[in-house]
Each structure stands twice: as structure tokens, then as C-alpha cells.
Amino acid sequence: MNTSFLIFTYIWLIVSLIFLITFFITIFGEELFFRGLLFKKLKSKAGLIWAVIIQTALFALPNSIIAFFMPSINSIIYIFVYAFLAVGCVGSYTAAKTDSIWASLISASVMNVILVLIYF
């Protein structure tokens, strides 16, 4: 068997595994902080609607860093549609309805997979 093919296959598998592990650890950390800690604290202090708005805006803020590397219209779509609405608001809604971060973790994972499929 061709050794360069085997090396390429192993490298591809290792990179894919690292990507998947990082992908899920990052999502879990974001959901744990934004929907688990921050959202619940804001909901008890400011109410549901303000908790969703504030937490979603704070979630979209660090996610907007990547928008500096995108064309203008793509960055607006990424920040508002993806970070604010799709992940932020949907994540907050699912966390509020289920009183758990697991539903928002699943919804964020689905949104991230959709984003990857759209761009690749």
C-alpha cells in the first residue's frame, strides 16, 4: 500500500478529530457560560425578554470578531442572523423553555453545522 496515502489518511483523520473535539468543547463552553450562567442570572434579575436581549448581544459581541475578515454584507448576515438570531435567540429560547443548556447546546450545534455546510 502506498505510504503517502496512509500518511495523508492519518493526518486527515487526526485533523478531523481535533476539529470535532474543539468544535464541541467550544460550543459546550459557550453554552455553559452564556445560557447556563449569564442567561439564568439575567433572567432572575431583569426578566425573560431583557435576559434574552442582553445575553444575545453579549454572545454576538465576541462572535463579531470574525466579521472583520468577511465582506460587508456577509459580516452583517453573520453577526445578526447567525450569532444574534440563530444561535443567541434560539439558544436562549430553548434554554428558557427546557430550563437546561442541553437543548441550546443541540440547537447551537445544528446551527454551526448548517453554517459550515453553507460556507463549504
PDB file of N, CA and C in Angstrom:
ATOM      1  N   MET A   1       0.847  -1.179   0.000  1.00  0.00           N
ATOM      2  CA  MET A   1       0.000   0.000   0.000  1.00  0.00           C
ATOM      3  C   MET A   1       0.890   1.238   0.000  1.00  0.00           C
ATOM      4  N   ASN A   2       0.440   2.261  -0.624  1.00  0.00           N
ATOM      5  CA  ASN A   2       1.196   3.489  -0.765  1.00  0.00           C
ATOM      6  C   ASN A   2       1.313   4.196   0.591  1.00  0.00           C
ATOM      7  N   THR A   3       2.554   4.456   1.029  1.00  0.00           N
ATOM      8  CA  THR A   3       2.749   5.077   2.346  1.00  0.00           C
ATOM      9  C   THR A   3       2.306   6.534   2.379  1.00  0.00           C
ATOM     10  N   SER A   4       2.419   7.249   1.279  1.00  0.00           N
ATOM     11  CA  SER A   4       1.974   8.646   1.280  1.00  0.00           C
ATOM     12  C   SER A   4       0.454   8.724   1.435  1.00  0.00           C
ATOM     13  N   PHE A   5      -0.258   7.741   0.865  1.00  0.00           N
ATOM     14  CA  PHE A   5      -1.710   7.692   1.037  1.00  0.00           C
ATOM     15  C   PHE A   5      -2.062   7.442   2.495  1.00  0.00           C
ATOM     16  N   LEU A   6      -1.347   6.517   3.135  1.00  0.00           N
ATOM     17  CA  LEU A   6      -1.599   6.223   4.545  1.00  0.00           C
ATOM     18  C   LEU A   6      -1.298   7.435   5.428  1.00  0.00           C
ATOM     19  N   ILE A   7      -0.212   8.107   5.158  1.00  0.00           N
ATOM     20  CA  ILE A   7       0.143   9.298   5.929  1.00  0.00           C
ATOM     21  C   ILE A   7      -0.926  10.365   5.765  1.00  0.00           C
ATOM     22  N   PHE A   8      -1.361  10.602   4.520  1.00  0.00           N
ATOM     23  CA  PHE A   8      -2.408  11.586   4.265  1.00  0.00           C
ATOM     24  C   PHE A   8      -3.696  11.203   4.989  1.00  0.00           C
ATOM     25  N   THR A   9      -4.048   9.913   4.963  1.00  0.00           N
ATOM     26  CA  THR A   9      -5.261   9.445   5.628  1.00  0.00           C
ATOM     27  C   THR A   9      -5.176   9.670   7.127  1.00  0.00           C
ATOM     28  N   TYR A  10      -4.046   9.336   7.735  1.00  0.00           N
ATOM     29  CA  TYR A  10      -3.896   9.524   9.176  1.00  0.00           C
ATOM     30  C   TYR A  10      -3.917  11.003   9.556  1.00  0.00           C
ATOM     31  N   ILE A  11      -3.271  11.823   8.762  1.00  0.00           N
ATOM     32  CA  ILE A  11      -3.276  13.265   9.036  1.00  0.00           C
ATOM     33  C   ILE A  11      -4.694  13.803   8.927  1.00  0.00           C
ATOM     34  N   TRP A  12      -5.421  13.388   7.905  1.00  0.00           N
ATOM     35  CA  TRP A  12      -6.797  13.828   7.714  1.00  0.00           C
ATOM     36  C   TRP A  12      -7.666  13.400   8.892  1.00  0.00           C
ATOM     37  N   LEU A  13      -7.503  12.170   9.346  1.00  0.00           N
ATOM     38  CA  LEU A  13      -8.284  11.676  10.481  1.00  0.00           C
ATOM     39  C   LEU A  13      -7.945  12.433  11.767  1.00  0.00           C
ATOM     40  N   ILE A  14      -6.667  12.699  12.006  1.00  0.00           N
ATOM     41  CA  ILE A  14      -6.257  13.422  13.206  1.00  0.00           C
ATOM     42  C   ILE A  14      -6.775  14.848  13.186  1.00  0.00           C
ATOM     43  N   VAL A  15      -6.656  15.521  12.053  1.00  0.00           N
ATOM     44  CA  VAL A  15      -7.154  16.902  11.936  1.00  0.00           C
ATOM     45  C   VAL A  15      -8.669  16.930  12.111  1.00  0.00           C
ATOM     46  N   SER A  16      -9.374  15.977  11.533  1.00  0.00           N
ATOM     47  CA  SER A  16     -10.828  15.912  11.687  1.00  0.00           C
ATOM     48  C   SER A  16     -11.221  15.679  13.137  1.00  0.00           C
ATOM     49  N   LEU A  17     -10.508  14.795  13.804  1.00  0.00           N
ATOM     50  CA  LEU A  17     -10.793  14.517  15.208  1.00  0.00           C
ATOM     51  C   LEU A  17     -10.531  15.744  16.077  1.00  0.00           C
ATOM     52  N   ILE A  18      -9.429  16.424  15.840  1.00  0.00           N
ATOM     53  CA  ILE A  18      -9.122  17.654  16.589  1.00  0.00           C
ATOM     54  C   ILE A  18     -10.195  18.703  16.333  1.00  0.00           C
ATOM     55  N   PHE A  19     -10.617  18.838  15.077  1.00  0.00           N
ATOM     56  CA  PHE A  19     -11.665  19.796  14.730  1.00  0.00           C
ATOM     57  C   PHE A  19     -12.959  19.476  15.473  1.00  0.00           C
ATOM     58  N   LEU A  20     -13.370  18.224  15.466  1.00  0.00           N
ATOM     59  CA  LEU A  20     -14.614  17.843  16.139  1.00  0.00           C
ATOM     60  C   LEU A  20     -14.546  18.043  17.640  1.00  0.00           C
ATOM     61  N   ILE A  21     -13.440  17.669  18.246  1.00  0.00           N
ATOM     62  CA  ILE A  21     -13.294  17.851  19.688  1.00  0.00           C
ATOM     63  C   ILE A  21     -13.322  19.333  20.038  1.00  0.00           C
ATOM     64  N   THR A  22     -12.575  20.133  19.306  1.00  0.00           N
ATOM     65  CA  THR A  22     -12.556  21.575  19.552  1.00  0.00           C
ATOM     66  C   THR A  22     -13.932  22.182  19.316  1.00  0.00           C
ATOM     67  N   PHE A  23     -14.586  21.746  18.257  1.00  0.00           N
ATOM     68  CA  PHE A  23     -15.921  22.219  17.917  1.00  0.00           C
ATOM     69  C   PHE A  23     -16.882  22.011  19.085  1.00  0.00           C
ATOM     70  N   PHE A  24     -16.928  20.813  19.648  1.00  0.00           N
ATOM     71  CA  PHE A  24     -17.876  20.515  20.709  1.00  0.00           C
ATOM     72  C   PHE A  24     -17.454  21.101  22.051  1.00  0.00           C
ATOM     73  N   ILE A  25     -16.172  21.191  22.333  1.00  0.00           N
ATOM     74  CA  ILE A  25     -15.721  21.814  23.575  1.00  0.00           C
ATOM     75  C   ILE A  25     -16.028  23.301  23.555  1.00  0.00           C
ATOM     76  N   THR A  26     -15.802  23.951  22.435  1.00  0.00           N
ATOM     77  CA  THR A  26     -16.096  25.380  22.314  1.00  0.00           C
ATOM     78  C   THR A  26     -17.586  25.637  22.478  1.00  0.00           C
ATOM     79  N   ILE A  27     -18.400  24.871  21.788  1.00  0.00           N
ATOM     80  CA  ILE A  27     -19.850  25.047  21.889  1.00  0.00           C
ATOM     81  C   ILE A  27     -20.316  24.803  23.316  1.00  0.00           C
ATOM     82  N   PHE A  28     -19.816  23.761  23.948  1.00  0.00           N
ATOM     83  CA  PHE A  28     -20.218  23.465  25.316  1.00  0.00           C
ATOM     84  C   PHE A  28     -19.823  24.604  26.250  1.00  0.00           C
ATOM     85  N   GLY A  29     -18.609  25.141  26.101  1.00  0.00           N
ATOM     86  CA  GLY A  29     -18.164  26.253  26.939  1.00  0.00           C
ATOM     87  C   GLY A  29     -19.012  27.497  26.739  1.00  0.00           C
ATOM     88  N   GLU A  30     -19.326  27.803  25.484  1.00  0.00           N
ATOM     89  CA  GLU A  30     -20.181  28.961  25.206  1.00  0.00           C
ATOM     90  C   GLU A  30     -21.561  28.780  25.817  1.00  0.00           C
ATOM     91  N   GLU A  31     -22.145  27.627  25.625  1.00  0.00           N
ATOM     92  CA  GLU A  31     -23.490  27.384  26.156  1.00  0.00           C
ATOM     93  C   GLU A  31     -23.489  27.380  27.677  1.00  0.00           C
ATOM     94  N   LEU A  32     -22.471  26.803  28.258  1.00  0.00           N
ATOM     95  CA  LEU A  32     -22.382  26.771  29.715  1.00  0.00           C
ATOM     96  C   LEU A  32     -22.300  28.181  30.285  1.00  0.00           C
ATOM     97  N   PHE A  33     -21.499  29.040  29.665  1.00  0.00           N
ATOM     98  CA  PHE A  33     -21.371  30.406  30.169  1.00  0.00           C
ATOM     99  C   PHE A  33     -22.570  31.269  29.812  1.00  0.00           C
ATOM    100  N   PHE A  34     -22.886  31.357  28.498  1.00  0.00           N
ATOM    101  CA  PHE A  34     -23.908  32.309  28.063  1.00  0.00           C
ATOM    102  C   PHE A  34     -25.319  31.882  28.444  1.00  0.00           C
ATOM    103  N   ARG A  35     -25.687  30.615  28.215  1.00  0.00           N
ATOM    104  CA  ARG A  35     -27.040  30.176  28.526  1.00  0.00           C
ATOM    105  C   ARG A  35     -27.150  29.572  29.919  1.00  0.00           C
ATOM    106  N   GLY A  36     -26.095  28.974  30.424  1.00  0.00           N
ATOM    107  CA  GLY A  36     -26.166  28.363  31.744  1.00  0.00           C
ATOM    108  C   GLY A  36     -25.984  29.347  32.875  1.00  0.00           C
ATOM    109  N   LEU A  37     -24.975  30.176  32.793  1.00  0.00           N
ATOM    110  CA  LEU A  37     -24.663  31.095  33.888  1.00  0.00           C
ATOM    111  C   LEU A  37     -25.271  32.476  33.665  1.00  0.00           C
ATOM    112  N   LEU A  38     -24.893  33.123  32.587  1.00  0.00           N
ATOM    113  CA  LEU A  38     -25.299  34.508  32.341  1.00  0.00           C
ATOM    114  C   LEU A  38     -26.804  34.644  32.126  1.00  0.00           C
ATOM    115  N   PHE A  39     -27.381  33.806  31.284  1.00  0.00           N
ATOM    116  CA  PHE A  39     -28.807  33.907  30.993  1.00  0.00           C
ATOM    117  C   PHE A  39     -29.651  33.690  32.235  1.00  0.00           C
ATOM    118  N   LYS A  40     -29.331  32.681  33.007  1.00  0.00           N
ATOM    119  CA  LYS A  40     -30.121  32.412  34.214  1.00  0.00           C
ATOM    120  C   LYS A  40     -30.014  33.553  35.223  1.00  0.00           C
ATOM    121  N   LYS A  41     -28.842  34.115  35.352  1.00  0.00           N
ATOM    122  CA  LYS A  41     -28.650  35.245  36.275  1.00  0.00           C
ATOM    123  C   LYS A  41     -29.422  36.466  35.784  1.00  0.00           C
ATOM    124  N   LEU A  42     -29.317  36.774  34.492  1.00  0.00           N
ATOM    125  CA  LEU A  42     -30.044  37.908  33.932  1.00  0.00           C
ATOM    126  C   LEU A  42     -31.558  37.706  34.008  1.00  0.00           C
ATOM    127  N   LYS A  43     -32.010  36.481  33.774  1.00  0.00           N
ATOM    128  CA  LYS A  43     -33.449  36.198  33.820  1.00  0.00           C
ATOM    129  C   LYS A  43     -34.016  36.445  35.213  1.00  0.00           C
ATOM    130  N   SER A  44     -33.266  36.098  36.220  1.00  0.00           N
ATOM    131  CA  SER A  44     -33.757  36.321  37.585  1.00  0.00           C
ATOM    132  C   SER A  44     -33.711  37.799  37.973  1.00  0.00           C
ATOM    133  N   LYS A  45     -32.807  38.557  37.378  1.00  0.00           N
ATOM    134  CA  LYS A  45     -32.661  39.984  37.715  1.00  0.00           C
ATOM    135  C   LYS A  45     -33.490  40.903  36.820  1.00  0.00           C
ATOM    136  N   ALA A  46     -33.529  40.620  35.510  1.00  0.00           N
ATOM    137  CA  ALA A  46     -34.120  41.567  34.557  1.00  0.00           C
ATOM    138  C   ALA A  46     -35.366  41.043  33.856  1.00  0.00           C
ATOM    139  N   GLY A  47     -35.701  39.797  34.029  1.00  0.00           N
ATOM    140  CA  GLY A  47     -36.845  39.227  33.322  1.00  0.00           C
ATOM    141  C   GLY A  47     -36.415  38.524  32.047  1.00  0.00           C
ATOM    142  N   LEU A  48     -37.338  37.763  31.494  1.00  0.00           N
ATOM    143  CA  LEU A  48     -37.023  36.902  30.354  1.00  0.00           C
ATOM    144  C   LEU A  48     -36.617  37.683  29.108  1.00  0.00           C
ATOM    145  N   ILE A  49     -37.408  38.675  28.717  1.00  0.00           N
ATOM    146  CA  ILE A  49     -37.141  39.397  27.471  1.00  0.00           C
ATOM    147  C   ILE A  49     -35.803  40.121  27.525  1.00  0.00           C
ATOM    148  N   TRP A  50     -35.552  40.849  28.609  1.00  0.00           N
ATOM    149  CA  TRP A  50     -34.281  41.574  28.727  1.00  0.00           C
ATOM    150  C   TRP A  50     -33.109  40.617  28.856  1.00  0.00           C
ATOM    151  N   ALA A  51     -33.320  39.492  29.503  1.00  0.00           N
ATOM    152  CA  ALA A  51     -32.253  38.493  29.615  1.00  0.00           C
ATOM    153  C   ALA A  51     -31.869  37.962  28.241  1.00  0.00           C
ATOM    154  N   VAL A  52     -32.871  37.694  27.409  1.00  0.00           N
ATOM    155  CA  VAL A  52     -32.604  37.212  26.053  1.00  0.00           C
ATOM    156  C   VAL A  52     -31.835  38.268  25.261  1.00  0.00           C
ATOM    157  N   ILE A  53     -32.288  39.513  25.305  1.00  0.00           N
ATOM    158  CA  ILE A  53     -31.660  40.583  24.524  1.00  0.00           C
ATOM    159  C   ILE A  53     -30.228  40.840  24.980  1.00  0.00           C
ATOM    160  N   ILE A  54     -30.026  40.993  26.279  1.00  0.00           N
ATOM    161  CA  ILE A  54     -28.693  41.307  26.801  1.00  0.00           C
ATOM    162  C   ILE A  54     -27.725  40.154  26.576  1.00  0.00           C
ATOM    163  N   GLN A  55     -28.159  38.951  26.916  1.00  0.00           N
ATOM    164  CA  GLN A  55     -27.293  37.784  26.762  1.00  0.00           C
ATOM    165  C   GLN A  55     -26.959  37.542  25.305  1.00  0.00           C
ATOM    166  N   THR A  56     -27.938  37.723  24.417  1.00  0.00           N
ATOM    167  CA  THR A  56     -27.700  37.521  22.990  1.00  0.00           C
ATOM    168  C   THR A  56     -26.731  38.561  22.443  1.00  0.00           C
ATOM    169  N   ALA A  57     -26.883  39.806  22.862  1.00  0.00           N
ATOM    170  CA  ALA A  57     -25.955  40.859  22.414  1.00  0.00           C
ATOM    171  C   ALA A  57     -24.544  40.575  22.919  1.00  0.00           C
ATOM    172  N   LEU A  58     -24.432  40.139  24.156  1.00  0.00           N
ATOM    173  CA  LEU A  58     -23.104  39.808  24.699  1.00  0.00           C
ATOM    174  C   LEU A  58     -22.508  38.584  24.010  1.00  0.00           C
ATOM    175  N   PHE A  59     -23.357  37.658  23.600  1.00  0.00           N
ATOM    176  CA  PHE A  59     -22.887  36.491  22.863  1.00  0.00           C
ATOM    177  C   PHE A  59     -22.400  36.892  21.471  1.00  0.00           C
ATOM    178  N   ALA A  60     -23.136  37.797  20.813  1.00  0.00           N
ATOM    179  CA  ALA A  60     -22.787  38.209  19.453  1.00  0.00           C
ATOM    180  C   ALA A  60     -21.517  39.054  19.412  1.00  0.00           C
ATOM    181  N   LEU A  61     -21.208  39.742  20.499  1.00  0.00           N
ATOM    182  CA  LEU A  61     -20.050  40.630  20.522  1.00  0.00           C
ATOM    183  C   LEU A  61     -18.729  39.907  20.228  1.00  0.00           C
ATOM    184  N   PRO A  62     -18.336  38.887  20.979  1.00  0.00           N
ATOM    185  CA  PRO A  62     -17.074  38.209  20.623  1.00  0.00           C
ATOM    186  C   PRO A  62     -17.161  37.444  19.306  1.00  0.00           C
ATOM    187  N   ASN A  63     -18.360  37.003  18.936  1.00  0.00           N
ATOM    188  CA  ASN A  63     -18.521  36.312  17.658  1.00  0.00           C
ATOM    189  C   ASN A  63     -18.380  37.256  16.477  1.00  0.00           C
ATOM    190  N   SER A  64     -18.478  38.548  16.718  1.00  0.00           N
ATOM    191  CA  SER A  64     -18.369  39.514  15.625  1.00  0.00           C
ATOM    192  C   SER A  64     -16.916  39.764  15.204  1.00  0.00           C
ATOM    193  N   ILE A  65     -15.963  39.266  15.954  1.00  0.00           N
ATOM    194  CA  ILE A  65     -14.554  39.438  15.591  1.00  0.00           C
ATOM    195  C   ILE A  65     -14.268  38.833  14.222  1.00  0.00           C
ATOM    196  N   ILE A  66     -14.839  37.685  13.957  1.00  0.00           N
ATOM    197  CA  ILE A  66     -14.622  37.035  12.666  1.00  0.00           C
ATOM    198  C   ILE A  66     -15.206  37.855  11.524  1.00  0.00           C
ATOM    199  N   ALA A  67     -16.198  38.695  11.815  1.00  0.00           N
ATOM    200  CA  ALA A  67     -16.840  39.503  10.775  1.00  0.00           C
ATOM    201  C   ALA A  67     -15.883  40.526  10.166  1.00  0.00           C
ATOM    202  N   PHE A  68     -14.827  40.887  10.873  1.00  0.00           N
ATOM    203  CA  PHE A  68     -13.845  41.821  10.325  1.00  0.00           C
ATOM    204  C   PHE A  68     -13.108  41.235   9.121  1.00  0.00           C
ATOM    205  N   PHE A  69     -13.133  39.927   8.986  1.00  0.00           N
ATOM    206  CA  PHE A  69     -12.442  39.257   7.897  1.00  0.00           C
ATOM    207  C   PHE A  69     -13.376  38.859   6.762  1.00  0.00           C
ATOM    208  N   MET A  70     -14.614  39.318   6.826  1.00  0.00           N
ATOM    209  CA  MET A  70     -15.614  38.985   5.820  1.00  0.00           C
ATOM    210  C   MET A  70     -15.985  40.227   5.012  1.00  0.00           C
ATOM    211  N   PRO A  71     -16.524  40.004   3.829  1.00  0.00           N
ATOM    212  CA  PRO A  71     -17.095  41.151   3.102  1.00  0.00           C
ATOM    213  C   PRO A  71     -18.257  41.757   3.907  1.00  0.00           C
ATOM    214  N   SER A  72     -18.576  43.002   3.645  1.00  0.00           N
ATOM    215  CA  SER A  72     -19.555  43.751   4.443  1.00  0.00           C
ATOM    216  C   SER A  72     -20.885  43.039   4.624  1.00  0.00           C
ATOM    217  N   ILE A  73     -21.516  42.623   3.540  1.00  0.00           N
ATOM    218  CA  ILE A  73     -22.837  42.007   3.653  1.00  0.00           C
ATOM    219  C   ILE A  73     -22.764  40.681   4.389  1.00  0.00           C
ATOM    220  N   ASN A  74     -21.708  39.915   4.148  1.00  0.00           N
ATOM    221  CA  ASN A  74     -21.542  38.641   4.864  1.00  0.00           C
ATOM    222  C   ASN A  74     -21.366  38.869   6.356  1.00  0.00           C
ATOM    223  N   SER A  75     -20.626  39.906   6.725  1.00  0.00           N
ATOM    224  CA  SER A  75     -20.411  40.166   8.147  1.00  0.00           C
ATOM    225  C   SER A  75     -21.704  40.567   8.840  1.00  0.00           C
ATOM    226  N   ILE A  76     -22.538  41.348   8.174  1.00  0.00           N
ATOM    227  CA  ILE A  76     -23.820  41.746   8.760  1.00  0.00           C
ATOM    228  C   ILE A  76     -24.720  40.520   8.920  1.00  0.00           C
ATOM    229  N   ILE A  77     -24.757  39.687   7.901  1.00  0.00           N
ATOM    230  CA  ILE A  77     -25.563  38.462   7.977  1.00  0.00           C
ATOM    231  C   ILE A  77     -25.036  37.549   9.074  1.00  0.00           C
ATOM    232  N   TYR A  78     -23.722  37.392   9.143  1.00  0.00           N
ATOM    233  CA  TYR A  78     -23.131  36.521  10.154  1.00  0.00           C
ATOM    234  C   TYR A  78     -23.456  37.006  11.563  1.00  0.00           C
ATOM    235  N   ILE A  79     -23.256  38.290  11.814  1.00  0.00           N
ATOM    236  CA  ILE A  79     -23.470  38.813  13.168  1.00  0.00           C
ATOM    237  C   ILE A  79     -24.951  38.783  13.533  1.00  0.00           C
ATOM    238  N   PHE A  80     -25.796  39.334  12.655  1.00  0.00           N
ATOM    239  CA  PHE A  80     -27.205  39.462  13.017  1.00  0.00           C
ATOM    240  C   PHE A  80     -27.979  38.156  12.888  1.00  0.00           C
ATOM    241  N   VAL A  81     -27.874  37.512  11.734  1.00  0.00           N
ATOM    242  CA  VAL A  81     -28.680  36.312  11.501  1.00  0.00           C
ATOM    243  C   VAL A  81     -28.123  35.112  12.264  1.00  0.00           C
ATOM    244  N   TYR A  82     -26.829  34.878  12.135  1.00  0.00           N
ATOM    245  CA  TYR A  82     -26.253  33.690  12.772  1.00  0.00           C
ATOM    246  C   TYR A  82     -26.041  33.878  14.273  1.00  0.00           C
ATOM    247  N   ALA A  83     -25.177  34.827  14.646  1.00  0.00           N
ATOM    248  CA  ALA A  83     -24.803  34.965  16.057  1.00  0.00           C
ATOM    249  C   ALA A  83     -25.957  35.484  16.914  1.00  0.00           C
ATOM    250  N   PHE A  84     -26.654  36.510  16.434  1.00  0.00           N
ATOM    251  CA  PHE A  84     -27.704  37.113  17.252  1.00  0.00           C
ATOM    252  C   PHE A  84     -28.988  36.289  17.226  1.00  0.00           C
ATOM    253  N   LEU A  85     -29.519  36.046  16.037  1.00  0.00           N
ATOM    254  CA  LEU A  85     -30.817  35.360  15.955  1.00  0.00           C
ATOM    255  C   LEU A  85     -30.707  33.839  16.097  1.00  0.00           C
ATOM    256  N   ALA A  86     -29.934  33.218  15.204  1.00  0.00           N
ATOM    257  CA  ALA A  86     -29.927  31.756  15.135  1.00  0.00           C
ATOM    258  C   ALA A  86     -29.357  31.105  16.385  1.00  0.00           C
ATOM    259  N   VAL A  87     -28.199  31.537  16.822  1.00  0.00           N
ATOM    260  CA  VAL A  87     -27.593  30.896  17.985  1.00  0.00           C
ATOM    261  C   VAL A  87     -28.020  31.590  19.281  1.00  0.00           C
ATOM    262  N   GLY A  88     -27.970  32.927  19.313  1.00  0.00           N
ATOM    263  CA  GLY A  88     -28.282  33.654  20.542  1.00  0.00           C
ATOM    264  C   GLY A  88     -29.728  33.559  20.973  1.00  0.00           C
ATOM    265  N   CYS A  89     -30.629  33.999  20.112  1.00  0.00           N
ATOM    266  CA  CYS A  89     -32.057  33.995  20.476  1.00  0.00           C
ATOM    267  C   CYS A  89     -32.631  32.584  20.551  1.00  0.00           C
ATOM    268  N   VAL A  90     -32.299  31.751  19.574  1.00  0.00           N
ATOM    269  CA  VAL A  90     -32.800  30.373  19.602  1.00  0.00           C
ATOM    270  C   VAL A  90     -32.229  29.630  20.809  1.00  0.00           C
ATOM    271  N   GLY A  91     -30.950  29.842  21.091  1.00  0.00           N
ATOM    272  CA  GLY A  91     -30.347  29.212  22.269  1.00  0.00           C
ATOM    273  C   GLY A  91     -30.991  29.674  23.561  1.00  0.00           C
ATOM    274  N   SER A  92     -31.259  30.953  23.665  1.00  0.00           N
ATOM    275  CA  SER A  92     -31.928  31.484  24.859  1.00  0.00           C
ATOM    276  C   SER A  92     -33.342  30.938  24.980  1.00  0.00           C
ATOM    277  N   TYR A  93     -34.053  30.893  23.860  1.00  0.00           N
ATOM    278  CA  TYR A  93     -35.417  30.379  23.870  1.00  0.00           C
ATOM    279  C   TYR A  93     -35.454  28.920  24.312  1.00  0.00           C
ATOM    280  N   THR A  94     -34.570  28.108  23.738  1.00  0.00           N
ATOM    281  CA  THR A  94     -34.560  26.694  24.109  1.00  0.00           C
ATOM    282  C   THR A  94     -34.102  26.490  25.543  1.00  0.00           C
ATOM    283  N   ALA A  95     -33.160  27.309  25.992  1.00  0.00           N
ATOM    284  CA  ALA A  95     -32.726  27.211  27.391  1.00  0.00           C
ATOM    285  C   ALA A  95     -33.851  27.622  28.341  1.00  0.00           C
ATOM    286  N   ALA A  96     -34.606  28.648  27.961  1.00  0.00           N
ATOM    287  CA  ALA A  96     -35.713  29.100  28.806  1.00  0.00           C
ATOM    288  C   ALA A  96     -36.840  28.073  28.836  1.00  0.00           C
ATOM    289  N   LYS A  97     -37.156  27.490  27.691  1.00  0.00           N
ATOM    290  CA  LYS A  97     -38.257  26.526  27.621  1.00  0.00           C
ATOM    291  C   LYS A  97     -37.943  25.223  28.353  1.00  0.00           C
ATOM    292  N   THR A  98     -36.707  24.779  28.264  1.00  0.00           N
ATOM    293  CA  THR A  98     -36.352  23.494  28.858  1.00  0.00           C
ATOM    294  C   THR A  98     -35.696  23.631  30.225  1.00  0.00           C
ATOM    295  N   ASP A  99     -35.306  24.848  30.582  1.00  0.00           N
ATOM    296  CA  ASP A  99     -34.578  25.123  31.818  1.00  0.00           C
ATOM    297  C   ASP A  99     -33.297  24.279  31.898  1.00  0.00           C
ATOM    298  N   SER A 100     -32.629  24.160  30.747  1.00  0.00           N
ATOM    299  CA  SER A 100     -31.406  23.374  30.649  1.00  0.00           C
ATOM    300  C   SER A 100     -30.579  23.898  29.482  1.00  0.00           C
ATOM    301  N   ILE A 101     -29.266  23.715  29.566  1.00  0.00           N
ATOM    302  CA  ILE A 101     -28.418  24.134  28.448  1.00  0.00           C
ATOM    303  C   ILE A 101     -28.326  23.062  27.374  1.00  0.00           C
ATOM    304  N   TRP A 102     -28.805  21.861  27.628  1.00  0.00           N
ATOM    305  CA  TRP A 102     -28.635  20.770  26.671  1.00  0.00           C
ATOM    306  C   TRP A 102     -29.404  21.023  25.386  1.00  0.00           C
ATOM    307  N   ALA A 103     -30.595  21.574  25.485  1.00  0.00           N
ATOM    308  CA  ALA A 103     -31.359  21.876  24.267  1.00  0.00           C
ATOM    309  C   ALA A 103     -30.685  22.992  23.475  1.00  0.00           C
ATOM    310  N   SER A 104     -30.164  24.010  24.173  1.00  0.00           N
ATOM    311  CA  SER A 104     -29.464  25.085  23.473  1.00  0.00           C
ATOM    312  C   SER A 104     -28.140  24.589  22.906  1.00  0.00           C
ATOM    313  N   LEU A 105     -27.527  23.631  23.554  1.00  0.00           N
ATOM    314  CA  LEU A 105     -26.306  23.021  23.035  1.00  0.00           C
ATOM    315  C   LEU A 105     -26.587  22.301  21.717  1.00  0.00           C
ATOM    316  N   ILE A 106     -27.688  21.591  21.667  1.00  0.00           N
ATOM    317  CA  ILE A 106     -28.068  20.895  20.437  1.00  0.00           C
ATOM    318  C   ILE A 106     -28.422  21.901  19.345  1.00  0.00           C
ATOM    319  N   SER A 107     -29.192  22.933  19.700  1.00  0.00           N
ATOM    320  CA  SER A 107     -29.567  23.921  18.681  1.00  0.00           C
ATOM    321  C   SER A 107     -28.339  24.673  18.166  1.00  0.00           C
ATOM    322  N   ALA A 108     -27.385  25.000  19.034  1.00  0.00           N
ATOM    323  CA  ALA A 108     -26.158  25.673  18.591  1.00  0.00           C
ATOM    324  C   ALA A 108     -25.337  24.756  17.701  1.00  0.00           C
ATOM    325  N   SER A 109     -25.285  23.485  18.027  1.00  0.00           N
ATOM    326  CA  SER A 109     -24.551  22.525  17.190  1.00  0.00           C
ATOM    327  C   SER A 109     -25.174  22.425  15.805  1.00  0.00           C
ATOM    328  N   VAL A 110     -26.491  22.371  15.754  1.00  0.00           N
ATOM    329  CA  VAL A 110     -27.186  22.293  14.466  1.00  0.00           C
ATOM    330  C   VAL A 110     -26.927  23.559  13.655  1.00  0.00           C
ATOM    331  N   MET A 111     -27.004  24.722  14.307  1.00  0.00           N
ATOM    332  CA  MET A 111     -26.753  25.986  13.601  1.00  0.00           C
ATOM    333  C   MET A 111     -25.316  26.048  13.078  1.00  0.00           C
ATOM    334  N   ASN A 112     -24.365  25.567  13.854  1.00  0.00           N
ATOM    335  CA  ASN A 112     -22.970  25.567  13.410  1.00  0.00           C
ATOM    336  C   ASN A 112     -22.752  24.626  12.230  1.00  0.00           C
ATOM    337  N   VAL A 113     -23.383  23.474  12.256  1.00  0.00           N
ATOM    338  CA  VAL A 113     -23.270  22.548  11.136  1.00  0.00           C
ATOM    339  C   VAL A 113     -23.888  23.161   9.883  1.00  0.00           C
ATOM    340  N   ILE A 114     -25.035  23.810  10.023  1.00  0.00           N
ATOM    341  CA  ILE A 114     -25.666  24.483   8.884  1.00  0.00           C
ATOM    342  C   ILE A 114     -24.746  25.567   8.336  1.00  0.00           C
ATOM    343  N   LEU A 115     -24.124  26.357   9.219  1.00  0.00           N
ATOM    344  CA  LEU A 115     -23.209  27.393   8.771  1.00  0.00           C
ATOM    345  C   LEU A 115     -22.028  26.811   8.014  1.00  0.00           C
ATOM    346  N   VAL A 116     -21.464  25.741   8.526  1.00  0.00           N
ATOM    347  CA  VAL A 116     -20.333  25.089   7.844  1.00  0.00           C
ATOM    348  C   VAL A 116     -20.775  24.563   6.484  1.00  0.00           C
ATOM    349  N   LEU A 117     -21.948  23.965   6.399  1.00  0.00           N
ATOM    350  CA  LEU A 117     -22.437  23.437   5.123  1.00  0.00           C
ATOM    351  C   LEU A 117     -22.712  24.549   4.118  1.00  0.00           C
ATOM    352  N   ILE A 118     -23.167  25.701   4.598  1.00  0.00           N
ATOM    353  CA  ILE A 118     -23.428  26.824   3.697  1.00  0.00           C
ATOM    354  C   ILE A 118     -22.136  27.369   3.119  1.00  0.00           C
ATOM    355  N   TYR A 119     -21.109  27.508   3.967  1.00  0.00           N
ATOM    356  CA  TYR A 119     -19.866  28.115   3.512  1.00  0.00           C
ATOM    357  C   TYR A 119     -18.935  27.146   2.811  1.00  0.00           C
ATOM    358  N   PHE A 120     -19.143  25.848   2.972  1.00  0.00           N
ATOM    359  CA  PHE A 120     -18.275  24.895   2.294  1.00  0.00           C
ATOM    360  C   PHE A 120     -19.114  24.083   1.373  1.00  0.00           C
TER     361      PHE A 120
END
